[in-house]
Amino acid sequence: MKKTVKVVAAIIENENEEILCALRSPEMVIPNMWEFPGGKVEEEEDIHSALIREIQEELDCTIETIELFHDHTHEYDAFIINLIAIKSKIVKGTPKKSEHSKLIWLNRKNLTSLQWAPADIPAVEQLIQE
């Protein structure tokens, strides 16, 4: 039986209404695909605390979570991911890449120009329609 991994992702929008997109590095699982930054929810951790921690670790900035945006479960060949996207805003610092190959800010209408990790696609589609 495949393991289900609970993952949180930040939908971070800047003052120009652009969304922060992160390119997975070649060393990561599901390499060279775009995603919303975030990571695994640890045991005993709520989704908001997990996302704040992950963004601090991955992007060296502090966020505030605003609202649950999208909850989707996607089955990959080796595992199942429950991806919970949460709208968030940066309250301190500027995102810096550490684990990812690249970070970009992109207008909603241009989000489909990137090759997204399959689990992130439903949230991308919802953002475009918003």
C-alpha atoms as a PDB file:
ATOM      1  CA  MET A   1       0.000   0.000   0.000  1.00  0.00           C
ATOM      2  CA  LYS A   2       1.276   3.462  -0.881  1.00  0.00           C
ATOM      3  CA  LYS A   3       2.116   5.932   1.841  1.00  0.00           C
ATOM      4  CA  THR A   4       0.030   9.142   1.995  1.00  0.00           C
ATOM      5  CA  VAL A   5       2.051  12.266   2.702  1.00  0.00           C
ATOM      6  CA  LYS A   6       0.338  15.406   4.014  1.00  0.00           C
ATOM      7  CA  VAL A   7       1.932  18.497   2.467  1.00  0.00           C
ATOM      8  CA  VAL A   8       1.181  22.203   2.839  1.00  0.00           C
ATOM      9  CA  ALA A   9       1.868  24.778   0.132  1.00  0.00           C
ATOM     10  CA  ALA A  10       1.857  28.566   0.328  1.00  0.00           C
ATOM     11  CA  ILE A  11      -0.017  30.650  -2.207  1.00  0.00           C
ATOM     12  CA  ILE A  12       1.910  33.894  -1.694  1.00  0.00           C
ATOM     13  CA  GLU A  13       0.827  36.957  -3.633  1.00  0.00           C
ATOM     14  CA  ASN A  14       2.826  40.197  -3.807  1.00  0.00           C
ATOM     15  CA  GLU A  15       1.602  43.797  -4.106  1.00  0.00           C
ATOM     16  CA  ASN A  16       1.610  43.434  -7.927  1.00  0.00           C
ATOM     17  CA  GLU A  17      -0.821  40.494  -7.661  1.00  0.00           C
ATOM     18  CA  GLU A  18       1.892  38.053  -8.753  1.00  0.00           C
ATOM     19  CA  ILE A  19       2.168  34.557  -7.266  1.00  0.00           C
ATOM     20  CA  LEU A  20       5.427  33.069  -5.932  1.00  0.00           C
ATOM     21  CA  CYS A  21       6.398  29.947  -7.900  1.00  0.00           C
ATOM     22  CA  ALA A  22       9.289  27.610  -7.012  1.00  0.00           C
ATOM     23  CA  LEU A  23      11.182  25.269  -9.357  1.00  0.00           C
ATOM     24  CA  ARG A  24      12.036  21.905  -7.789  1.00  0.00           C
ATOM     25  CA  SER A  25      15.755  21.127  -8.026  1.00  0.00           C
ATOM     26  CA  PRO A  26      17.084  18.133 -10.006  1.00  0.00           C
ATOM     27  CA  GLU A  27      17.884  16.378  -6.685  1.00  0.00           C
ATOM     28  CA  MET A  28      14.299  16.566  -5.382  1.00  0.00           C
ATOM     29  CA  VAL A  29      11.557  13.986  -5.844  1.00  0.00           C
ATOM     30  CA  ILE A  30       9.499  15.096  -8.893  1.00  0.00           C
ATOM     31  CA  PRO A  31      12.517  17.096 -10.177  1.00  0.00           C
ATOM     32  CA  ASN A  32      12.513  20.181 -12.404  1.00  0.00           C
ATOM     33  CA  MET A  33       8.819  20.915 -12.014  1.00  0.00           C
ATOM     34  CA  TRP A  34       7.188  24.009 -10.574  1.00  0.00           C
ATOM     35  CA  GLU A  35       5.325  24.062  -7.284  1.00  0.00           C
ATOM     36  CA  PHE A  36       4.035  26.352  -4.602  1.00  0.00           C
ATOM     37  CA  PRO A  37       6.643  26.394  -1.797  1.00  0.00           C
ATOM     38  CA  GLY A  38       5.969  24.414   1.359  1.00  0.00           C
ATOM     39  CA  GLY A  39       6.570  20.943   2.701  1.00  0.00           C
ATOM     40  CA  LYS A  40       5.525  18.016   4.856  1.00  0.00           C
ATOM     41  CA  VAL A  41       3.340  18.403   7.920  1.00  0.00           C
ATOM     42  CA  GLU A  42       5.110  16.803  10.892  1.00  0.00           C
ATOM     43  CA  GLU A  43       3.286  14.652  13.443  1.00  0.00           C
ATOM     44  CA  GLU A  44       1.537  16.741  16.128  1.00  0.00           C
ATOM     45  CA  GLU A  45       1.747  19.847  13.881  1.00  0.00           C
ATOM     46  CA  ASP A  46      -1.221  21.786  12.521  1.00  0.00           C
ATOM     47  CA  ILE A  47      -1.200  22.837   8.865  1.00  0.00           C
ATOM     48  CA  HIS A  48      -0.695  26.552   9.566  1.00  0.00           C
ATOM     49  CA  SER A  49       2.284  26.016  11.899  1.00  0.00           C
ATOM     50  CA  ALA A  50       3.783  23.534   9.432  1.00  0.00           C
ATOM     51  CA  LEU A  51       3.553  26.014   6.563  1.00  0.00           C
ATOM     52  CA  ILE A  52       5.057  28.880   8.579  1.00  0.00           C
ATOM     53  CA  ARG A  53       7.949  26.583   9.618  1.00  0.00           C
ATOM     54  CA  GLU A  54       8.539  25.241   6.103  1.00  0.00           C
ATOM     55  CA  ILE A  55       8.626  28.710   4.510  1.00  0.00           C
ATOM     56  CA  GLN A  56      11.034  29.927   7.211  1.00  0.00           C
ATOM     57  CA  GLU A  57      13.314  26.928   6.531  1.00  0.00           C
ATOM     58  CA  GLU A  58      13.038  26.923   2.718  1.00  0.00           C
ATOM     59  CA  LEU A  59      12.779  30.624   1.859  1.00  0.00           C
ATOM     60  CA  ASP A  60      14.218  32.366   4.935  1.00  0.00           C
ATOM     61  CA  CYS A  61      11.203  34.623   5.391  1.00  0.00           C
ATOM     62  CA  THR A  62       8.219  34.820   7.708  1.00  0.00           C
ATOM     63  CA  ILE A  63       4.663  34.409   6.482  1.00  0.00           C
ATOM     64  CA  GLU A  64       1.230  34.766   7.977  1.00  0.00           C
ATOM     65  CA  THR A  65      -1.417  32.298   6.832  1.00  0.00           C
ATOM     66  CA  ILE A  66      -4.659  33.880   5.625  1.00  0.00           C
ATOM     67  CA  GLU A  67      -7.070  31.150   4.535  1.00  0.00           C
ATOM     68  CA  LEU A  68      -7.302  27.583   3.300  1.00  0.00           C
ATOM     69  CA  PHE A  69      -7.382  27.799  -0.498  1.00  0.00           C
ATOM     70  CA  HIS A  70      -7.366  24.277  -1.930  1.00  0.00           C
ATOM     71  CA  ASP A  71      -7.193  20.691  -0.639  1.00  0.00           C
ATOM     72  CA  HIS A  72      -6.381  17.986  -3.178  1.00  0.00           C
ATOM     73  CA  THR A  73      -5.124  14.406  -3.080  1.00  0.00           C
ATOM     74  CA  HIS A  74      -2.962  13.184  -5.951  1.00  0.00           C
ATOM     75  CA  GLU A  75      -1.587   9.695  -6.511  1.00  0.00           C
ATOM     76  CA  TYR A  76       1.951   9.424  -7.885  1.00  0.00           C
ATOM     77  CA  ASP A  77       3.589   6.110  -8.823  1.00  0.00           C
ATOM     78  CA  ALA A  78       5.401   5.718  -5.484  1.00  0.00           C
ATOM     79  CA  PHE A  79       3.199   7.627  -3.011  1.00  0.00           C
ATOM     80  CA  ILE A  80       0.001   9.632  -2.489  1.00  0.00           C
ATOM     81  CA  ILE A  81       0.147  13.319  -1.631  1.00  0.00           C
ATOM     82  CA  ASN A  82      -2.551  15.282   0.163  1.00  0.00           C
ATOM     83  CA  LEU A  83      -1.660  18.844  -0.872  1.00  0.00           C
ATOM     84  CA  ILE A  84      -3.243  21.610   1.172  1.00  0.00           C
ATOM     85  CA  ALA A  85      -2.710  25.054  -0.365  1.00  0.00           C
ATOM     86  CA  ILE A  86      -3.058  28.018   1.984  1.00  0.00           C
ATOM     87  CA  LYS A  87      -3.167  31.663   0.959  1.00  0.00           C
ATOM     88  CA  SER A  88      -0.413  33.463   2.825  1.00  0.00           C
ATOM     89  CA  LYS A  89       1.430  36.753   2.912  1.00  0.00           C
ATOM     90  CA  ILE A  90       5.029  37.638   3.683  1.00  0.00           C
ATOM     91  CA  VAL A  91       5.317  39.621   6.898  1.00  0.00           C
ATOM     92  CA  LYS A  92       9.114  39.677   7.212  1.00  0.00           C
ATOM     93  CA  GLY A  93      12.001  39.165   4.800  1.00  0.00           C
ATOM     94  CA  THR A  94      12.309  38.421   1.093  1.00  0.00           C
ATOM     95  CA  PRO A  95      12.109  34.850  -0.260  1.00  0.00           C
ATOM     96  CA  LYS A  96      15.537  33.341  -0.979  1.00  0.00           C
ATOM     97  CA  LYS A  97      15.985  29.981  -2.670  1.00  0.00           C
ATOM     98  CA  SER A  98      17.827  27.273  -0.773  1.00  0.00           C
ATOM     99  CA  GLU A  99      16.300  23.927  -1.811  1.00  0.00           C
ATOM    100  CA  HIS A 100      14.748  25.095  -5.081  1.00  0.00           C
ATOM    101  CA  SER A 101      16.552  25.832  -8.363  1.00  0.00           C
ATOM    102  CA  LYS A 102      14.626  29.030  -8.984  1.00  0.00           C
ATOM    103  CA  LEU A 103      11.957  31.338  -7.535  1.00  0.00           C
ATOM    104  CA  ILE A 104       9.834  33.629  -9.701  1.00  0.00           C
ATOM    105  CA  TRP A 105       6.824  35.917  -9.282  1.00  0.00           C
ATOM    106  CA  LEU A 106       4.256  35.333 -11.992  1.00  0.00           C
ATOM    107  CA  ASN A 107       0.926  36.881 -12.927  1.00  0.00           C
ATOM    108  CA  ARG A 108      -2.016  34.462 -12.556  1.00  0.00           C
ATOM    109  CA  LYS A 109      -2.806  34.423 -16.272  1.00  0.00           C
ATOM    110  CA  ASN A 110       0.771  33.252 -16.992  1.00  0.00           C
ATOM    111  CA  LEU A 111       0.833  30.385 -14.493  1.00  0.00           C
ATOM    112  CA  THR A 112       0.008  27.828 -17.179  1.00  0.00           C
ATOM    113  CA  SER A 113       3.258  28.706 -18.985  1.00  0.00           C
ATOM    114  CA  LEU A 114       5.150  26.638 -16.389  1.00  0.00           C
ATOM    115  CA  GLN A 115       5.393  22.850 -16.111  1.00  0.00           C
ATOM    116  CA  TRP A 116       3.753  22.221 -12.733  1.00  0.00           C
ATOM    117  CA  ALA A 117       4.075  19.174 -10.499  1.00  0.00           C
ATOM    118  CA  PRO A 118       0.831  17.215 -11.056  1.00  0.00           C
ATOM    119  CA  ALA A 119      -0.365  17.646  -7.440  1.00  0.00           C
ATOM    120  CA  ASP A 120      -0.172  21.459  -7.792  1.00  0.00           C
ATOM    121  CA  ILE A 121      -2.176  21.712 -11.034  1.00  0.00           C
ATOM    122  CA  PRO A 122      -5.691  21.845  -9.477  1.00  0.00           C
ATOM    123  CA  ALA A 123      -4.637  24.785  -7.263  1.00  0.00           C
ATOM    124  CA  VAL A 124      -3.091  26.531 -10.301  1.00  0.00           C
ATOM    125  CA  GLU A 125      -6.354  26.092 -12.232  1.00  0.00           C
ATOM    126  CA  GLN A 126      -8.380  27.452  -9.313  1.00  0.00           C
ATOM    127  CA  LEU A 127      -6.071  30.491  -9.013  1.00  0.00           C
ATOM    128  CA  ILE A 128      -6.455  31.301 -12.712  1.00  0.00           C
ATOM    129  CA  GLN A 129     -10.252  31.158 -12.456  1.00  0.00           C
ATOM    130  CA  GLU A 130     -10.385  33.265  -9.303  1.00  0.00           C
END
